[in-house]
Amino acid sequence: MVFDARDKEIALGNHVRYVDTGTIGEVIDMKTKDDIDWVKIEKTNLWYRSKLVELLDEKDLKKKSFEDDGDDEIDIDSLKDKTLDFESYQMDSSVAEGGG
């Protein structure tokens, strides 16, 4: 048995969220190595320590994304990229002046 950060049992096919980055994905494999439980998430194809993910409920999966592209999942990585793009703009007080 593999348990998440809130001590809920994780099964194959469950959806989990990696708490550090918000990555959401379906659990496609599980293993225990050196007394540490691991889950493999389909979206990234990476292994995560089970105590660093949280099991998602069905209601958590039905949230709409910020862009209405028909995808029911919020893509955290895409939002981070957009934030970085926005932060690259430079504000300058001399760009526009009043007409008075």
C-alpha atoms as a PDB file:
ATOM      1  CA  MET A   1       0.000   0.000   0.000  1.00  0.00           C
ATOM      2  CA  VAL A   2       1.169   3.489  -0.914  1.00  0.00           C
ATOM      3  CA  PHE A   3      -0.049   6.587   0.948  1.00  0.00           C
ATOM      4  CA  ASP A   4      -0.024  10.278   0.040  1.00  0.00           C
ATOM      5  CA  ALA A   5       0.947  13.343   2.104  1.00  0.00           C
ATOM      6  CA  ARG A   6      -2.403  13.190   3.947  1.00  0.00           C
ATOM      7  CA  ASP A   7      -2.126   9.423   4.594  1.00  0.00           C
ATOM      8  CA  LYS A   8      -4.775   8.554   2.003  1.00  0.00           C
ATOM      9  CA  GLU A   9      -4.206   5.344   0.078  1.00  0.00           C
ATOM     10  CA  ILE A  10      -3.156   5.792  -3.565  1.00  0.00           C
ATOM     11  CA  ALA A  11      -4.169   3.250  -6.220  1.00  0.00           C
ATOM     12  CA  LEU A  12      -3.211   2.903  -9.874  1.00  0.00           C
ATOM     13  CA  GLY A  13      -5.364   5.195 -11.989  1.00  0.00           C
ATOM     14  CA  ASN A  14      -5.846   7.776  -9.212  1.00  0.00           C
ATOM     15  CA  HIS A  15      -5.020  11.383  -9.980  1.00  0.00           C
ATOM     16  CA  VAL A  16      -2.542  13.148  -7.714  1.00  0.00           C
ATOM     17  CA  ARG A  17      -0.995  16.603  -7.391  1.00  0.00           C
ATOM     18  CA  TYR A  18       2.706  17.065  -6.634  1.00  0.00           C
ATOM     19  CA  VAL A  19       2.598  19.594  -3.792  1.00  0.00           C
ATOM     20  CA  ASP A  20       5.822  21.444  -4.677  1.00  0.00           C
ATOM     21  CA  THR A  21       4.927  22.399  -8.263  1.00  0.00           C
ATOM     22  CA  GLY A  22       1.206  21.672  -8.583  1.00  0.00           C
ATOM     23  CA  THR A  23       1.773  19.119 -11.349  1.00  0.00           C
ATOM     24  CA  ILE A  24      -1.339  16.977 -11.751  1.00  0.00           C
ATOM     25  CA  GLY A  25      -1.391  13.555 -13.332  1.00  0.00           C
ATOM     26  CA  GLU A  26      -2.635   9.994 -13.278  1.00  0.00           C
ATOM     27  CA  VAL A  27      -0.684   7.400 -11.303  1.00  0.00           C
ATOM     28  CA  ILE A  28       0.550   4.804 -13.808  1.00  0.00           C
ATOM     29  CA  ASP A  29       2.980   2.858 -11.602  1.00  0.00           C
ATOM     30  CA  MET A  30       4.028   2.484  -7.972  1.00  0.00           C
ATOM     31  CA  LYS A  31       7.038   1.021  -6.226  1.00  0.00           C
ATOM     32  CA  THR A  32       8.765   0.823  -2.857  1.00  0.00           C
ATOM     33  CA  LYS A  33      12.536   1.142  -2.691  1.00  0.00           C
ATOM     34  CA  ASP A  34      14.603   1.392   0.514  1.00  0.00           C
ATOM     35  CA  ASP A  35      11.368   1.747   2.542  1.00  0.00           C
ATOM     36  CA  ILE A  36      10.296   4.798   0.486  1.00  0.00           C
ATOM     37  CA  ASP A  37       7.088   4.663  -1.576  1.00  0.00           C
ATOM     38  CA  TRP A  38       7.112   6.161  -5.067  1.00  0.00           C
ATOM     39  CA  VAL A  39       4.407   6.910  -7.660  1.00  0.00           C
ATOM     40  CA  LYS A  40       4.937   7.501 -11.372  1.00  0.00           C
ATOM     41  CA  ILE A  41       2.777  10.226 -12.914  1.00  0.00           C
ATOM     42  CA  GLU A  42       1.659   9.815 -16.517  1.00  0.00           C
ATOM     43  CA  LYS A  43       1.858  13.509 -17.485  1.00  0.00           C
ATOM     44  CA  THR A  44       5.571  13.876 -16.740  1.00  0.00           C
ATOM     45  CA  ASN A  45       6.575  10.190 -16.786  1.00  0.00           C
ATOM     46  CA  LEU A  46       8.577  10.906 -13.603  1.00  0.00           C
ATOM     47  CA  TRP A  47       8.701   9.231 -10.192  1.00  0.00           C
ATOM     48  CA  TYR A  48       7.555  11.207  -7.122  1.00  0.00           C
ATOM     49  CA  ARG A  49       7.802  10.300  -3.436  1.00  0.00           C
ATOM     50  CA  SER A  50       4.290   9.371  -2.415  1.00  0.00           C
ATOM     51  CA  LYS A  51       4.491  11.554   0.707  1.00  0.00           C
ATOM     52  CA  LEU A  52       4.995  14.598  -1.554  1.00  0.00           C
ATOM     53  CA  VAL A  53       1.794  14.132  -3.570  1.00  0.00           C
ATOM     54  CA  GLU A  54      -1.827  14.502  -2.579  1.00  0.00           C
ATOM     55  CA  LEU A  55      -4.686  12.388  -3.825  1.00  0.00           C
ATOM     56  CA  LEU A  56      -7.258  14.395  -5.794  1.00  0.00           C
ATOM     57  CA  ASP A  57     -11.007  13.978  -5.560  1.00  0.00           C
ATOM     58  CA  GLU A  58     -13.240  13.879  -8.627  1.00  0.00           C
ATOM     59  CA  LYS A  59     -14.381  17.449  -7.895  1.00  0.00           C
ATOM     60  CA  ASP A  60     -10.750  18.648  -8.023  1.00  0.00           C
ATOM     61  CA  LEU A  61     -10.396  17.266 -11.556  1.00  0.00           C
ATOM     62  CA  LYS A  62     -13.453  19.109 -12.918  1.00  0.00           C
ATOM     63  CA  LYS A  63     -12.046  22.630 -12.438  1.00  0.00           C
ATOM     64  CA  LYS A  64     -11.830  24.588 -15.673  1.00  0.00           C
ATOM     65  CA  SER A  65      -8.545  25.892 -16.952  1.00  0.00           C
ATOM     66  CA  PHE A  66      -7.875  29.620 -17.227  1.00  0.00           C
ATOM     67  CA  GLU A  67      -8.008  29.307 -20.980  1.00  0.00           C
ATOM     68  CA  ASP A  68     -11.161  27.658 -22.263  1.00  0.00           C
ATOM     69  CA  ASP A  69      -9.524  25.180 -24.609  1.00  0.00           C
ATOM     70  CA  GLY A  70     -11.771  22.274 -23.675  1.00  0.00           C
ATOM     71  CA  ASP A  71      -9.135  20.755 -21.373  1.00  0.00           C
ATOM     72  CA  ASP A  72     -10.484  20.098 -17.880  1.00  0.00           C
ATOM     73  CA  GLU A  73      -7.093  20.261 -16.154  1.00  0.00           C
ATOM     74  CA  ILE A  74      -5.206  23.367 -15.138  1.00  0.00           C
ATOM     75  CA  ASP A  75      -1.722  23.253 -16.624  1.00  0.00           C
ATOM     76  CA  ILE A  76       0.470  24.768 -13.912  1.00  0.00           C
ATOM     77  CA  ASP A  77       3.566  24.733 -16.144  1.00  0.00           C
ATOM     78  CA  SER A  78       1.741  26.773 -18.787  1.00  0.00           C
ATOM     79  CA  LEU A  79       0.649  29.307 -16.178  1.00  0.00           C
ATOM     80  CA  LYS A  80       4.228  29.634 -14.927  1.00  0.00           C
ATOM     81  CA  ASP A  81       5.423  30.295 -18.488  1.00  0.00           C
ATOM     82  CA  LYS A  82       2.794  33.012 -18.910  1.00  0.00           C
ATOM     83  CA  THR A  83       3.836  34.578 -15.612  1.00  0.00           C
ATOM     84  CA  LEU A  84       7.475  34.663 -16.729  1.00  0.00           C
ATOM     85  CA  ASP A  85       6.441  36.274 -20.031  1.00  0.00           C
ATOM     86  CA  PHE A  86       4.490  38.928 -18.144  1.00  0.00           C
ATOM     87  CA  GLU A  87       7.376  39.599 -15.751  1.00  0.00           C
ATOM     88  CA  SER A  88       9.728  40.242 -18.686  1.00  0.00           C
ATOM     89  CA  TYR A  89       7.892  43.470 -19.560  1.00  0.00           C
ATOM     90  CA  GLN A  90       9.620  46.546 -18.233  1.00  0.00           C
ATOM     91  CA  MET A  91       7.659  49.409 -16.747  1.00  0.00           C
ATOM     92  CA  ASP A  92       8.935  52.930 -17.419  1.00  0.00           C
ATOM     93  CA  SER A  93       7.390  56.113 -16.081  1.00  0.00           C
ATOM     94  CA  SER A  94       8.617  58.223 -19.020  1.00  0.00           C
ATOM     95  CA  VAL A  95       6.717  56.280 -21.669  1.00  0.00           C
ATOM     96  CA  ALA A  96       3.505  58.286 -21.539  1.00  0.00           C
ATOM     97  CA  GLU A  97       3.030  61.849 -20.353  1.00  0.00           C
ATOM     98  CA  GLY A  98      -0.065  63.778 -19.530  1.00  0.00           C
ATOM     99  CA  GLY A  99      -1.429  66.351 -21.946  1.00  0.00           C
ATOM    100  CA  GLY A 100      -1.540  69.224 -19.419  1.00  0.00           C
END
